[in-house]
N, C-alpha and C. Protein backbone atom coordinates (compact mmCIF):
# COMPACT_ATOMS: atom_id res chain seq x y z
N MET A 1 280.76 217.39 183.16
CA MET A 1 279.97 217.23 184.15
C MET A 1 279.88 215.54 183.63
N PHE A 2 280.23 215.18 182.37
CA PHE A 2 280.39 213.88 181.58
C PHE A 2 281.25 213.45 182.50
N LYS A 3 282.24 213.86 182.59
CA LYS A 3 283.74 213.19 183.12
C LYS A 3 283.58 212.88 184.52
N LYS A 4 282.49 213.52 184.99
CA LYS A 4 282.51 213.34 186.63
C LYS A 4 281.39 212.05 186.65
N ILE A 5 280.82 211.95 185.82
CA ILE A 5 279.54 210.54 185.84
C ILE A 5 280.59 209.52 185.89
N VAL A 6 281.52 209.83 184.19
CA VAL A 6 282.06 208.38 184.08
C VAL A 6 282.85 207.72 185.22
N LEU A 7 283.32 209.25 185.77
CA LEU A 7 284.37 208.74 187.11
C LEU A 7 283.82 207.96 188.11
N ILE A 8 282.62 208.48 188.42
CA ILE A 8 281.82 207.87 189.46
C ILE A 8 281.23 206.32 189.45
N LEU A 9 280.78 206.45 187.90
CA LEU A 9 280.38 205.07 187.42
C LEU A 9 281.63 203.90 187.58
N SER A 10 282.84 205.02 187.32
CA SER A 10 283.82 203.73 187.15
C SER A 10 284.50 203.22 188.23
N VAL A 11 284.49 204.23 189.43
CA VAL A 11 284.53 203.96 190.77
C VAL A 11 283.81 202.63 191.67
N SER A 12 282.59 203.08 191.20
CA SER A 12 281.38 202.49 191.49
C SER A 12 281.92 200.77 191.22
N PHE A 13 282.08 200.70 189.71
CA PHE A 13 282.27 199.56 189.16
C PHE A 13 283.31 198.68 189.73
N TYR A 14 284.45 199.60 190.04
CA TYR A 14 285.85 198.99 190.67
C TYR A 14 285.70 198.30 192.26
N LEU A 15 284.58 199.15 193.01
CA LEU A 15 284.28 198.92 194.14
C LEU A 15 283.51 197.39 194.28
N SER A 16 282.49 197.47 193.25
CA SER A 16 281.64 196.25 193.47
C SER A 16 282.49 195.19 192.83
N ALA A 17 283.43 195.23 192.12
CA ALA A 17 284.10 194.25 191.65
C ALA A 17 284.89 193.47 192.88
N CYS A 18 285.32 194.48 193.94
CA CYS A 18 286.29 194.23 195.09
C CYS A 18 285.48 193.37 196.35
N SER A 19 284.05 193.56 195.80
CA SER A 19 282.97 193.21 196.87
C SER A 19 283.30 191.62 197.52
N GLU A 20 282.75 191.02 198.42
CA GLU A 20 282.79 189.61 198.92
C GLU A 20 281.73 188.99 197.77
N HIS A 21 281.90 188.18 197.59
CA HIS A 21 281.14 186.75 196.65
C HIS A 21 280.15 186.37 197.68
N ASP A 22 278.91 185.88 197.33
CA ASP A 22 277.67 185.31 197.80
C ASP A 22 277.21 183.99 197.28
N LEU A 23 276.34 183.62 197.78
CA LEU A 23 276.01 182.08 197.73
C LEU A 23 276.01 182.06 196.26
N SER A 24 275.38 182.63 195.56
CA SER A 24 274.95 182.46 194.10
C SER A 24 276.37 182.35 193.58
N TYR A 25 277.34 183.21 193.71
CA TYR A 25 278.63 183.59 193.15
C TYR A 25 279.22 182.38 192.84
N TYR A 26 279.17 181.88 194.12
CA TYR A 26 280.02 180.50 194.49
C TYR A 26 279.04 179.24 193.79
N GLN A 27 277.84 179.22 193.87
CA GLN A 27 277.36 178.08 193.10
C GLN A 27 277.45 177.98 191.58
N GLY A 28 277.92 179.08 191.23
CA GLY A 28 278.11 179.28 189.82
C GLY A 28 279.71 179.13 189.55
N ASN A 29 280.42 179.60 190.80
CA ASN A 29 281.92 179.37 190.27
C ASN A 29 282.67 178.02 191.34
N LEU A 30 282.31 177.15 191.29
CA LEU A 30 282.57 175.79 192.58
C LEU A 30 284.03 175.76 192.77
N GLU A 31 285.06 175.86 191.67
CA GLU A 31 286.37 175.88 191.98
C GLU A 31 286.84 176.96 192.97
N ASP A 32 286.18 178.34 192.38
CA ASP A 32 286.46 179.49 193.42
C ASP A 32 286.14 179.34 194.84
N ALA A 33 284.83 178.38 195.12
CA ALA A 33 284.18 178.00 196.04
C ALA A 33 285.47 177.13 197.07
N GLU A 34 285.83 176.07 196.26
CA GLU A 34 286.95 175.25 196.92
C GLU A 34 287.84 175.73 197.55
N SER A 35 288.47 176.99 196.60
CA SER A 35 289.65 177.82 197.05
C SER A 35 289.33 178.52 198.32
N LYS A 36 288.47 179.11 198.02
CA LYS A 36 287.64 179.80 199.87
C LYS A 36 287.52 179.08 200.96
N VAL A 37 287.00 177.89 200.50
CA VAL A 37 286.72 177.13 201.68
C VAL A 37 288.24 176.45 202.70
N LYS A 38 289.25 176.42 201.48
CA LYS A 38 290.27 175.74 202.07
C LYS A 38 291.07 177.04 202.51
N GLU A 39 290.93 178.60 202.20
CA GLU A 39 291.51 179.86 202.77
C GLU A 39 290.96 180.10 204.02
N CYS A 40 289.64 179.86 204.09
CA CYS A 40 289.17 179.93 205.25
C CYS A 40 289.35 178.84 206.15
N GLU A 41 289.58 177.66 205.80
CA GLU A 41 290.18 176.87 206.85
C GLU A 41 291.81 176.83 207.16
N LEU A 42 292.34 177.09 206.38
CA LEU A 42 293.49 177.79 206.86
C LEU A 42 293.60 178.76 207.77
N ASP A 43 293.02 179.92 207.68
CA ASP A 43 292.94 180.97 208.67
C ASP A 43 292.35 180.66 209.74
N ILE A 44 291.20 179.54 209.74
CA ILE A 44 290.90 179.36 211.27
C ILE A 44 291.62 178.45 212.06
N LYS A 45 292.79 177.86 211.07
CA LYS A 45 293.76 176.89 211.92
C LYS A 45 294.69 177.86 212.25
N GLU A 46 295.23 178.57 211.53
CA GLU A 46 296.39 179.76 211.96
C GLU A 46 295.79 180.42 213.30
N ALA A 47 294.37 180.79 213.31
CA ALA A 47 294.34 181.92 214.41
C ALA A 47 294.13 180.98 215.39
N TYR A 48 293.23 179.66 215.55
CA TYR A 48 293.52 178.66 216.63
C TYR A 48 295.01 178.58 217.27
N LEU A 49 295.72 178.24 216.02
CA LEU A 49 297.38 177.83 216.90
C LEU A 49 297.65 179.20 217.42
N ASN A 50 297.60 180.52 216.81
CA ASN A 50 298.08 181.41 217.67
C ASN A 50 296.92 181.64 218.66
N GLU A 51 296.03 180.81 219.15
CA GLU A 51 295.05 181.18 220.47
C GLU A 51 294.20 182.45 220.16
N ASP A 52 293.83 182.80 218.91
CA ASP A 52 293.42 183.95 218.52
C ASP A 52 291.64 183.54 218.34
N LEU A 53 291.20 183.76 219.30
CA LEU A 53 289.84 182.89 219.58
C LEU A 53 288.79 183.85 218.76
N LYS A 54 288.87 185.54 218.69
CA LYS A 54 288.29 186.19 218.15
C LYS A 54 288.47 186.35 216.84
N ARG A 55 289.77 186.07 216.26
CA ARG A 55 289.87 185.66 214.86
C ARG A 55 289.18 184.43 214.70
N VAL A 56 289.15 183.59 215.39
CA VAL A 56 288.63 182.24 215.10
C VAL A 56 286.98 182.37 214.69
N GLN A 57 286.66 183.24 215.88
CA GLN A 57 285.28 184.13 215.69
C GLN A 57 284.66 184.29 214.43
N SER A 58 285.45 185.37 214.39
CA SER A 58 285.22 186.17 212.96
C SER A 58 285.39 185.34 211.89
N ILE A 59 286.22 184.71 211.58
CA ILE A 59 286.21 183.71 210.26
C ILE A 59 285.13 182.83 210.08
N ALA A 60 284.84 182.40 211.39
CA ALA A 60 283.82 181.48 211.78
C ALA A 60 282.37 181.99 211.22
N GLU A 61 282.23 183.30 211.35
CA GLU A 61 281.10 184.40 211.10
C GLU A 61 281.00 184.72 210.07
N ASP A 62 282.06 184.70 208.84
CA ASP A 62 282.59 185.50 208.05
C ASP A 62 281.41 185.00 206.85
N LEU A 63 280.84 185.71 206.13
CA LEU A 63 279.49 185.56 205.08
C LEU A 63 280.08 184.76 203.98
N GLU A 64 280.85 185.43 203.29
CA GLU A 64 281.81 185.03 202.45
C GLU A 64 282.29 183.50 202.69
N CYS A 65 282.65 183.16 203.87
CA CYS A 65 283.31 181.81 203.93
C CYS A 65 282.07 180.75 204.22
N LYS A 66 281.00 181.28 204.80
CA LYS A 66 279.61 180.47 205.06
C LYS A 66 279.09 180.51 203.79
N ALA A 67 278.95 181.34 202.46
CA ALA A 67 278.38 180.95 201.29
C ALA A 67 279.49 179.98 200.55
N ALA A 68 280.87 179.88 200.62
CA ALA A 68 281.38 179.18 199.72
C ALA A 68 281.31 177.64 200.30
N SER A 69 281.60 177.46 201.54
CA SER A 69 281.14 176.22 201.95
C SER A 69 280.09 175.87 201.82
N ARG A 70 278.81 176.72 202.12
CA ARG A 70 277.86 175.84 201.59
C ARG A 70 277.62 175.36 200.11
N ALA A 71 278.10 176.26 199.61
CA ALA A 71 278.21 176.25 197.84
C ALA A 71 278.91 174.79 197.76
N HIS A 72 280.15 174.18 198.51
CA HIS A 72 281.00 173.46 197.90
C HIS A 72 280.05 172.48 198.75
N ASN A 73 279.41 172.36 199.89
CA ASN A 73 278.84 171.14 200.56
C ASN A 73 277.88 170.74 199.70
N ASP A 74 276.94 171.59 199.32
CA ASP A 74 275.50 171.68 198.36
C ASP A 74 276.22 170.53 196.93
N TYR A 75 277.17 171.01 196.57
CA TYR A 75 277.75 170.58 195.34
C TYR A 75 277.76 168.93 195.67
N LYS A 76 278.89 168.82 196.90
CA LYS A 76 279.24 167.39 197.29
C LYS A 76 277.74 166.35 197.64
N LYS A 77 276.79 167.16 197.89
CA LYS A 77 275.36 166.38 198.38
C LYS A 77 275.15 165.95 197.03
N GLU A 78 274.71 166.60 196.01
CA GLU A 78 274.44 166.60 194.90
C GLU A 78 274.92 165.77 194.16
N LEU A 79 276.74 165.61 194.07
CA LEU A 79 277.18 164.08 193.52
C LEU A 79 277.01 163.32 194.15
N ALA A 80 276.97 163.14 195.51
CA ALA A 80 276.35 161.97 196.18
C ALA A 80 275.19 161.26 195.56
N ALA A 81 274.19 162.38 196.20
CA ALA A 81 272.80 161.76 195.30
C ALA A 81 273.01 161.31 194.18
N LEU A 82 273.77 161.88 193.06
CA LEU A 82 273.63 161.14 191.88
C LEU A 82 274.45 159.84 191.43
N GLU A 83 275.47 159.62 192.36
CA GLU A 83 276.26 158.36 192.08
C GLU A 83 275.06 157.14 192.98
N GLN A 84 274.51 157.95 193.87
CA GLN A 84 273.95 156.67 194.88
C GLN A 84 272.57 156.52 193.80
N LYS A 85 271.82 157.30 192.97
CA LYS A 85 271.09 157.05 192.04
C LYS A 85 271.48 156.44 191.27
N LYS A 86 272.67 156.51 190.50
CA LYS A 86 273.22 155.34 189.30
C LYS A 86 273.61 154.14 189.94
N ARG A 87 273.59 154.00 191.17
CA ARG A 87 274.40 152.69 191.91
C ARG A 87 273.01 151.88 191.76
N ALA A 88 271.82 152.47 192.44
CA ALA A 88 270.67 151.91 192.31
C ALA A 88 270.03 151.51 191.04
N GLU A 89 270.01 152.51 189.91
CA GLU A 89 269.64 151.97 188.57
C GLU A 89 270.18 150.89 188.06
N ALA A 90 271.68 150.68 188.52
CA ALA A 90 272.52 149.95 187.96
C ALA A 90 272.21 148.42 188.80
N ARG A 91 271.63 148.37 189.86
CA ARG A 91 271.42 147.19 190.50
C ARG A 91 270.08 146.62 189.89
N GLN A 92 268.96 147.19 189.26
CA GLN A 92 267.97 146.92 188.82
C GLN A 92 267.84 146.13 187.27
């Protein structure tokens, strides 16, 4: 009985480790977010060049691609706001 429980927990853990990442993951792992955004962009470009519009649509709607893109864009906006604030303070 104990072995079955351990096996089930191990399989569950393994499967959860293989699941897609969400926004909170990418907000804490910005390098992974940037890498995923690049991967999604390349996939869309390849699908578009192959005239596979269903694949383009699928990638564009992919939740992991959206989460990575949002985390990456939010980070870039935060950086821009900080730089703007720093410049404004320097002028005073």
